[in-house]
């Protein structure tokens, strides 16, 4: 087993990696006690070999490996790579390029939604991976041989999975079907926390403009504090406590201490003073109607007739997705369906463009125009979508 725990060996490894057309990458990390994930182990696989890099080794310089991540001649293969990419982005300020995600490819190839790595390996290689080390604390040293072997399997079996999916995409002519999802995975904005948008992740039942303003400001304060001190946001203030404070909108320490579930030590301490300052600032802010628009965008309602069409579109999406062996939400989202049903912004609807149009969009538009029917073919035992021309529809 090849363990890299010093800079010289890492540089030698990277010289080997530069000769590869693709490498597989996986990481082990912990983040229960921090805002940002802490990289604890890094596994790299390629056709001839595999290696484990120990990021916790003293004085290990990652520069050579960062060059590999930026090398556009080497494809970086992940499975469900968002968290791995987040780690690299936090370390370098850059997204690895180019990237192939086997979970995304598997959805296009008919393996189901968000297929797990173990399931994908079993379906492609018929090997059942040992999961006994799944809950390892990867920050501890030394790690047992069994744990290291478990970690290494995450990149060694990823090689045949990638090769199978790549070939499958080529055979089906679907190489570009994953471009949009891969681009979204590699969008830097996905990995840049925006404290001003943190409030949108908090479930709430009040919707007044004053409440939303205070919610936005307090949530942003908590997010910035968590980032600054690299601590989980819930360790500063849990969501239910935050909502209770915003709803009560206390103006004094005494009022803060009476808020439900708020510890007196919090109310009378540094956090309490900071929160009161944030609430006071929020009260002085001019009303921002955009907050209400953003809040209302989650409360989706559509006209009755369009709602009925929406149900038909959901059925149509399910049929076309199953017939083509692809996960339905890669073809069209609920918002895409809603916009089609309401006739909103067809030109910019992803479901009505490119390969999605051919697979689903043209049928959806035909139903909206009254030019399509669904029937069951009793001979071939399959559901058929028929599209009539406008001329034929008018004469029938």
Protein backbone atom coordinates (compact mmCIF):
# COMPACT_ATOMS: atom_id res chain seq x y z
CA UNK A 1 0.00 0.00 0.00
CA UNK A 2 1.47 3.32 -1.08
CA UNK A 3 1.22 6.01 1.62
CA UNK A 4 2.44 9.52 0.83
CA UNK A 5 3.40 11.49 3.95
CA UNK A 6 6.21 13.78 2.79
CA UNK A 7 6.70 16.38 0.07
CA UNK A 8 9.40 14.49 -1.87
CA UNK A 9 7.20 11.40 -2.29
CA UNK A 10 4.22 13.56 -3.23
CA UNK A 11 6.23 15.28 -5.96
CA UNK A 12 7.34 11.89 -7.29
CA UNK A 13 3.73 10.71 -7.29
CA UNK A 14 2.64 13.80 -9.20
CA UNK A 15 5.23 13.14 -11.89
CA UNK A 16 3.49 9.78 -12.44
CA UNK A 17 0.06 11.37 -12.40
CA UNK A 18 1.07 13.83 -15.13
CA UNK A 19 1.35 10.89 -17.52
CA UNK A 20 -2.26 9.81 -16.97
CA UNK A 21 -5.28 10.59 -19.15
CA UNK A 22 -7.50 10.41 -16.06
CA UNK A 23 -7.21 9.90 -12.32
CA UNK A 24 -9.86 8.98 -9.75
CA UNK A 25 -10.09 11.04 -6.56
CA UNK A 26 -11.81 10.65 -3.21
CA UNK A 27 -11.31 12.30 0.16
CA UNK A 28 -12.08 11.58 3.78
CA UNK A 29 -12.82 14.54 6.00
CA UNK A 30 -14.52 15.68 9.20
CA UNK A 31 -16.64 18.79 9.71
CA UNK A 32 -18.78 18.05 12.76
CA UNK A 33 -16.86 20.63 14.80
CA UNK A 34 -16.02 23.15 12.08
CA UNK A 35 -17.66 25.32 9.43
CA UNK A 36 -15.25 24.23 6.73
CA UNK A 37 -14.46 20.53 6.09
CA UNK A 38 -11.09 19.37 7.41
CA UNK A 39 -9.26 17.15 4.93
CA UNK A 40 -7.96 14.04 6.69
CA UNK A 41 -7.13 11.62 3.88
CA UNK A 42 -6.82 11.84 0.11
CA UNK A 43 -6.99 8.84 -2.19
CA UNK A 44 -5.81 8.86 -5.81
CA UNK A 45 -6.25 6.05 -8.34
CA UNK A 46 -5.05 5.53 -11.90
CA UNK A 47 -4.78 2.65 -14.36
CA UNK A 48 -1.56 1.17 -12.96
CA UNK A 49 -1.73 1.94 -9.26
CA UNK A 50 -3.26 3.89 -6.39
CA UNK A 51 -1.99 5.91 -3.48
CA UNK A 52 -3.09 7.51 -0.23
CA UNK A 53 -1.91 10.99 0.67
CA UNK A 54 -1.91 11.95 4.36
CA UNK A 55 -2.79 15.67 4.57
CA UNK A 56 -2.18 15.62 8.34
CA UNK A 57 1.49 14.72 7.89
CA UNK A 58 3.70 17.57 9.16
CA UNK A 59 5.13 20.05 6.62
CA UNK A 60 3.49 18.38 3.60
CA UNK A 61 3.54 20.79 0.65
CA UNK A 62 0.55 20.20 -1.66
CA UNK A 63 1.74 22.49 -4.47
CA UNK A 64 2.61 19.67 -6.89
CA UNK A 65 -0.79 18.06 -6.43
CA UNK A 66 -2.57 21.38 -6.88
CA UNK A 67 -0.84 21.62 -10.26
CA UNK A 68 -2.35 18.23 -11.15
CA UNK A 69 -5.82 19.48 -10.21
CA UNK A 70 -5.37 22.43 -12.57
CA UNK A 71 -3.87 20.38 -15.43
CA UNK A 72 -6.47 20.40 -18.21
CA UNK A 73 -4.89 17.35 -19.86
CA UNK A 74 -5.82 15.13 -16.91
CA UNK A 75 -9.48 14.27 -16.31
CA UNK A 76 -10.40 14.23 -12.63
CA UNK A 77 -13.01 11.55 -11.86
CA UNK A 78 -15.17 11.79 -8.71
CA UNK A 79 -18.29 10.09 -7.44
CA UNK A 80 -20.68 12.66 -5.97
CA UNK A 81 -17.77 15.05 -5.97
CA UNK A 82 -19.31 18.22 -4.54
CA UNK A 83 -17.71 17.91 -1.09
CA UNK A 84 -14.36 16.85 -2.54
CA UNK A 85 -14.38 19.84 -4.88
CA UNK A 86 -15.39 22.12 -2.01
CA UNK A 87 -12.30 21.03 -0.09
CA UNK A 88 -10.00 21.73 -3.03
CA UNK A 89 -11.68 25.07 -3.67
CA UNK A 90 -11.18 26.09 -0.04
CA UNK A 91 -7.51 25.08 -0.26
CA UNK A 92 -6.68 26.67 -3.62
CA UNK A 93 -9.45 29.10 -4.54
CA UNK A 94 -9.88 27.16 -7.80
CA UNK A 95 -12.10 24.37 -9.14
CA UNK A 96 -10.33 21.22 -10.44
CA UNK A 97 -10.61 20.96 -14.22
CA UNK A 98 -11.73 19.02 -16.20
CA UNK A 99 -14.14 16.95 -14.08
CA UNK A 100 -16.22 13.80 -14.59
CA UNK A 101 -18.74 12.80 -11.90
CA UNK A 102 -19.85 9.16 -12.06
CA UNK A 103 -23.01 9.85 -10.04
CA UNK A 104 -24.17 12.36 -12.65
CA UNK A 105 -23.21 10.03 -15.51
CA UNK A 106 -24.97 7.11 -13.83
CA UNK A 107 -28.24 9.07 -13.73
CA UNK A 108 -28.02 9.67 -17.48
CA UNK A 109 -27.24 5.99 -18.06
CA UNK A 110 -30.31 4.75 -16.19
CA UNK A 111 -28.86 3.77 -12.78
CA UNK A 112 -31.44 5.78 -10.86
CA UNK A 113 -31.35 9.05 -8.89
CA UNK A 114 -28.29 9.87 -6.76
CA UNK A 115 -26.98 6.29 -6.88
CA UNK A 116 -24.52 5.56 -4.09
CA UNK A 117 -20.94 4.56 -4.79
CA UNK A 118 -21.40 1.09 -3.28
CA UNK A 119 -24.52 0.46 -5.35
CA UNK A 120 -22.83 1.63 -8.55
CA UNK A 121 -19.80 -0.60 -7.92
CA UNK A 122 -22.04 -3.60 -7.27
CA UNK A 123 -24.14 -2.98 -10.39
CA UNK A 124 -21.12 -2.55 -12.67
CA UNK A 125 -18.46 -4.85 -11.19
CA UNK A 126 -20.69 -7.24 -9.14
CA UNK A 127 -18.45 -6.60 -6.11
CA UNK A 128 -20.03 -5.85 -2.72
CA UNK A 129 -17.79 -3.37 -0.93
CA UNK A 130 -17.06 -3.78 2.77
CA UNK A 131 -18.64 -0.81 4.56
CA UNK A 132 -17.48 -1.62 8.10
CA UNK A 133 -15.06 1.34 8.21
CA UNK A 134 -17.59 3.87 6.91
CA UNK A 135 -17.90 5.70 10.24
CA UNK A 136 -14.18 5.97 10.93
CA UNK A 137 -12.86 9.14 12.58
CA UNK A 138 -10.40 9.95 9.81
CA UNK A 139 -8.66 12.62 11.86
CA UNK A 140 -7.19 10.04 14.25
CA UNK A 141 -3.69 8.66 13.84
CA UNK A 142 -2.55 6.02 13.32
CA UNK A 143 -5.21 4.56 11.03
CA UNK A 144 -5.53 0.79 10.85
CA UNK A 145 -4.63 -1.12 7.69
CA UNK A 146 -8.28 -2.14 7.30
CA UNK A 147 -9.35 1.50 7.33
CA UNK A 148 -6.75 2.48 4.74
CA UNK A 149 -7.77 -0.41 2.49
CA UNK A 150 -11.39 0.70 2.78
CA UNK A 151 -10.42 4.24 1.77
CA UNK A 152 -8.35 3.02 -1.17
CA UNK A 153 -11.24 0.99 -2.59
CA UNK A 154 -13.12 4.25 -3.09
CA UNK A 155 -10.78 5.11 -5.96
CA UNK A 156 -9.70 1.70 -7.27
CA UNK A 157 -13.23 0.55 -8.10
CA UNK A 158 -14.04 4.01 -9.41
CA UNK A 159 -11.80 3.25 -12.40
CA UNK A 160 -13.96 0.48 -13.93
CA UNK A 161 -17.10 2.46 -13.08
CA UNK A 162 -15.79 5.48 -14.98
CA UNK A 163 -14.68 3.36 -17.95
CA UNK A 164 -18.06 1.64 -18.14
CA UNK A 165 -20.06 4.88 -17.92
CA UNK A 166 -17.84 6.69 -20.40
CA UNK A 167 -18.35 3.89 -22.92
CA UNK A 168 -22.08 3.79 -22.23
CA UNK A 169 -22.43 7.53 -22.84
CA UNK A 170 -20.59 7.18 -26.14
CA UNK A 171 -22.71 4.23 -27.27
CA UNK A 172 -25.91 6.14 -26.48
CA UNK A 173 -24.65 9.39 -27.98
CA UNK A 174 -25.16 11.10 -24.64
CA UNK A 175 -21.66 12.46 -23.91
CA UNK A 176 -22.99 16.03 -23.80
CA UNK A 177 -26.09 15.24 -21.78
CA UNK A 178 -24.10 15.67 -18.57
CA UNK A 179 -22.44 18.96 -19.57
CA UNK A 180 -24.97 21.19 -17.82
CA UNK A 181 -24.88 19.23 -14.54
CA UNK A 182 -21.08 19.05 -14.61
CA UNK A 183 -20.89 22.80 -15.24
CA UNK A 184 -23.19 23.39 -12.27
CA UNK A 185 -20.96 21.15 -10.12
CA UNK A 186 -17.94 23.21 -11.16
CA UNK A 187 -19.57 26.62 -10.68
CA UNK A 188 -17.45 28.59 -8.19
CA UNK A 189 -20.58 30.25 -6.79
CA UNK A 190 -21.62 26.86 -5.41
CA UNK A 191 -18.61 26.94 -3.09
CA UNK A 192 -18.72 30.60 -2.06
CA UNK A 193 -20.85 30.98 1.07
CA UNK A 194 -23.08 34.04 0.85
CA UNK A 195 -24.14 35.11 4.36
CA UNK A 196 -26.80 37.42 2.93
CA UNK A 197 -28.64 34.42 1.49
CA UNK A 198 -28.35 32.21 4.60
CA UNK A 199 -31.89 33.13 5.73
CA UNK A 200 -33.40 31.34 2.76
CA UNK A 201 -32.23 27.98 4.14
CA UNK A 202 -34.19 28.46 7.38
CA UNK A 203 -37.78 27.18 7.46
CA UNK A 204 -40.16 29.73 8.92
CA UNK A 205 -43.89 30.39 9.11
CA UNK A 206 -43.94 34.20 9.48
CA UNK A 207 -43.73 36.29 6.31
CA UNK A 208 -44.03 39.96 7.29
CA UNK A 209 -41.43 42.28 5.80
CA UNK A 210 -40.12 43.31 9.22
CA UNK A 211 -39.70 39.66 10.24
CA UNK A 212 -37.92 38.80 7.00
CA UNK A 213 -35.56 41.76 7.37
CA UNK A 214 -34.55 40.72 10.88
CA UNK A 215 -34.30 37.07 9.85
CA UNK A 216 -31.97 37.96 7.00
CA UNK A 217 -29.70 40.09 9.19
CA UNK A 218 -29.50 37.68 12.12
CA UNK A 219 -28.90 34.68 9.84
CA UNK A 220 -26.16 36.63 8.02
CA UNK A 221 -24.53 37.57 11.35
CA UNK A 222 -24.55 33.91 12.44
CA UNK A 223 -23.08 32.78 9.11
CA UNK A 224 -20.27 35.31 9.21
CA UNK A 225 -19.43 34.43 12.79
CA UNK A 226 -19.35 30.72 11.95
CA UNK A 227 -17.04 31.39 9.00
CA UNK A 228 -14.76 33.67 11.01
CA UNK A 229 -14.32 31.18 13.85
CA UNK A 230 -14.60 28.06 11.64
CA UNK A 231 -17.33 26.63 13.81
CA UNK A 232 -20.70 25.04 12.92
CA UNK A 233 -23.47 27.61 12.69
CA UNK A 234 -25.70 25.56 15.02
CA UNK A 235 -23.06 25.77 17.75
CA UNK A 236 -23.57 29.53 17.76
CA UNK A 237 -27.35 29.52 17.58
CA UNK A 238 -29.72 26.76 16.51
CA UNK A 239 -32.37 27.57 13.91
CA UNK A 240 -35.30 27.31 16.35
CA UNK A 241 -33.59 29.68 18.79
CA UNK A 242 -32.79 32.11 16.00
CA UNK A 243 -36.41 32.14 14.84
CA UNK A 244 -37.66 32.68 18.41
CA UNK A 245 -35.36 35.68 18.78
CA UNK A 246 -36.43 37.18 15.44
CA UNK A 247 -40.12 36.65 16.24
CA UNK A 248 -39.76 38.28 19.67
CA UNK A 249 -37.44 41.03 18.38
CA UNK A 250 -36.11 41.93 21.85
CA UNK A 251 -34.66 45.41 22.42
CA UNK A 252 -32.96 44.82 25.77
CA UNK A 253 -30.97 42.11 27.51
CA UNK A 254 -33.91 41.56 29.86
CA UNK A 255 -36.27 41.01 26.93
CA UNK A 256 -33.71 38.72 25.29
CA UNK A 257 -33.52 36.59 28.45
CA UNK A 258 -37.28 36.02 28.27
CA UNK A 259 -37.20 34.63 24.72
CA UNK A 260 -38.20 30.99 24.59
CA UNK A 261 -35.30 28.47 24.79
CA UNK A 262 -32.68 31.22 25.14
CA UNK A 263 -30.19 30.56 27.90
CA UNK A 264 -29.68 33.50 30.25
CA UNK A 265 -25.92 33.17 29.78
CA UNK A 266 -26.38 33.73 26.05
CA UNK A 267 -28.70 36.68 26.58
CA UNK A 268 -26.38 38.41 29.05
CA UNK A 269 -23.13 37.47 27.31
CA UNK A 270 -21.26 38.60 24.21
CA UNK A 271 -23.62 36.78 21.83
CA UNK A 272 -26.66 38.47 23.33
CA UNK A 273 -25.15 41.93 22.84
CA UNK A 274 -24.16 41.14 19.25
CA UNK A 275 -27.66 39.89 18.45
CA UNK A 276 -29.29 42.99 19.96
CA UNK A 277 -26.99 45.17 17.84
CA UNK A 278 -27.98 43.24 14.71
CA UNK A 279 -31.70 43.56 15.52
CA UNK A 280 -31.31 47.28 16.19
CA UNK A 281 -29.55 47.69 12.84
CA UNK A 282 -32.31 45.73 11.08
CA UNK A 283 -35.02 48.00 12.54
CA UNK A 284 -33.32 51.04 11.02
CA UNK A 285 -33.01 49.51 7.56
CA UNK A 286 -35.38 50.76 4.82
CA UNK A 287 -37.96 48.15 3.74
CA UNK A 288 -36.74 45.88 0.94
CA UNK A 289 -39.68 44.47 -1.04
CA UNK A 290 -37.33 42.04 -2.78
CA UNK A 291 -37.21 40.02 0.43
CA UNK A 292 -40.93 39.38 0.19
CA UNK A 293 -40.60 38.42 -3.47
CA UNK A 294 -37.83 35.98 -2.64
CA UNK A 295 -39.86 34.56 0.24
CA UNK A 296 -43.01 34.26 -1.86
CA UNK A 297 -41.12 32.48 -4.63
CA UNK A 298 -41.09 29.43 -2.33
CA UNK A 299 -44.88 29.57 -1.95
CA UNK A 300 -45.69 28.19 -5.38
CA UNK A 301 -49.25 28.38 -6.69
CA UNK A 302 -50.51 28.14 -10.27
CA UNK A 303 -53.93 28.62 -11.86
CA UNK A 304 -56.34 25.66 -11.72
CA UNK A 305 -56.23 24.78 -15.43
CA UNK A 306 -52.46 25.06 -15.49
CA UNK A 307 -52.38 22.85 -12.40
CA UNK A 308 -54.20 20.11 -14.29
CA UNK A 309 -51.75 20.41 -17.18
CA UNK A 310 -48.94 20.22 -14.64
CA UNK A 311 -50.18 16.78 -13.57
CA UNK A 312 -50.21 15.63 -17.19
CA UNK A 313 -46.67 16.96 -17.67
CA UNK A 314 -45.47 15.06 -14.60
CA UNK A 315 -46.90 11.86 -16.07
CA UNK A 316 -45.39 12.63 -19.47
CA UNK A 317 -41.99 13.28 -17.89
CA UNK A 318 -42.13 9.99 -16.02
CA UNK A 319 -43.03 8.07 -19.19
CA UNK A 320 -40.34 9.66 -21.39
CA UNK A 321 -37.67 9.35 -18.69
CA UNK A 322 -38.39 5.66 -18.12
CA UNK A 323 -38.47 4.97 -21.85
CA UNK A 324 -35.05 6.59 -22.26
CA UNK A 325 -33.47 5.23 -19.09
CA UNK A 326 -32.70 8.58 -17.47
CA UNK A 327 -33.54 10.14 -14.12
CA UNK A 328 -36.50 12.48 -14.60
CA UNK A 329 -35.19 15.50 -12.71
CA UNK A 330 -32.19 15.65 -15.04
CA UNK A 331 -34.67 16.22 -17.84
CA UNK A 332 -36.98 18.75 -16.17
CA UNK A 333 -37.41 20.21 -12.70
CA UNK A 334 -40.71 21.07 -11.03
CA UNK A 335 -40.06 24.72 -11.89
CA UNK A 336 -39.45 23.78 -15.54
CA UNK A 337 -42.79 21.93 -15.62
CA UNK A 338 -44.58 24.80 -13.88
CA UNK A 339 -43.20 27.31 -16.38
CA UNK A 340 -44.32 25.11 -19.31
CA UNK A 341 -47.80 24.72 -17.83
CA UNK A 342 -48.10 28.48 -17.34
CA UNK A 343 -46.49 29.34 -20.68
CA UNK A 344 -43.71 31.27 -18.94
CA UNK A 345 -40.36 32.03 -20.59
CA UNK A 346 -40.25 29.06 -23.00
CA UNK A 347 -37.12 30.38 -24.68
CA UNK A 348 -34.99 30.06 -21.55
CA UNK A 349 -36.52 26.87 -20.18
CA UNK A 350 -33.80 24.14 -20.11
CA UNK A 351 -36.45 21.45 -20.66
CA UNK A 352 -37.33 23.06 -23.99
CA UNK A 353 -33.79 23.24 -25.34
CA UNK A 354 -31.15 20.86 -26.70
CA UNK A 355 -31.42 17.14 -26.01
CA UNK A 356 -34.12 17.75 -23.40
CA UNK A 357 -36.36 19.23 -26.09
CA UNK A 358 -36.02 16.13 -28.26
CA UNK A 359 -36.56 13.75 -25.36
CA UNK A 360 -39.38 15.58 -23.56
CA UNK A 361 -39.84 19.25 -24.42
CA UNK A 362 -41.48 18.87 -27.82
CA UNK A 363 -44.05 16.49 -26.35
CA UNK A 364 -44.75 18.86 -23.45
CA UNK A 365 -45.37 21.76 -25.84
CA UNK A 366 -47.60 19.56 -28.00
CA UNK A 367 -49.77 18.71 -24.99
CA UNK A 368 -50.03 22.37 -24.06
CA UNK A 369 -51.20 23.15 -27.61
CA UNK A 370 -53.66 20.24 -27.69
CA UNK A 371 -51.68 18.36 -30.33
CA UNK A 372 -50.68 15.25 -28.35
CA UNK A 373 -52.28 12.16 -26.92
CA UNK A 374 -51.16 9.30 -24.69
CA UNK A 375 -52.25 5.78 -25.57
CA UNK A 376 -51.34 2.22 -24.67
CA UNK A 377 -50.20 -0.01 -27.54
CA UNK A 378 -51.69 -3.43 -26.74
CA UNK A 379 -49.51 -5.18 -29.35
CA UNK A 380 -46.10 -3.80 -28.32
CA UNK A 381 -47.20 -3.47 -24.67
CA UNK A 382 -45.94 0.10 -24.32
CA UNK A 383 -47.22 3.61 -23.84
CA UNK A 384 -47.08 5.75 -26.98
CA UNK A 385 -47.14 9.54 -27.23
CA UNK A 386 -48.68 10.71 -30.52
CA UNK A 387 -48.19 14.24 -31.83
CA UNK A 388 -50.56 15.49 -34.51
CA UNK A 389 -49.82 18.36 -36.89
CA UNK A 390 -51.86 21.56 -36.47
CA UNK A 391 -53.45 20.92 -39.86
CA UNK A 392 -54.58 17.41 -38.96
CA UNK A 393 -55.77 18.56 -35.55
CA UNK A 394 -57.92 21.27 -37.15
CA UNK A 395 -59.58 18.88 -39.60
CA UNK A 396 -60.37 16.16 -37.05
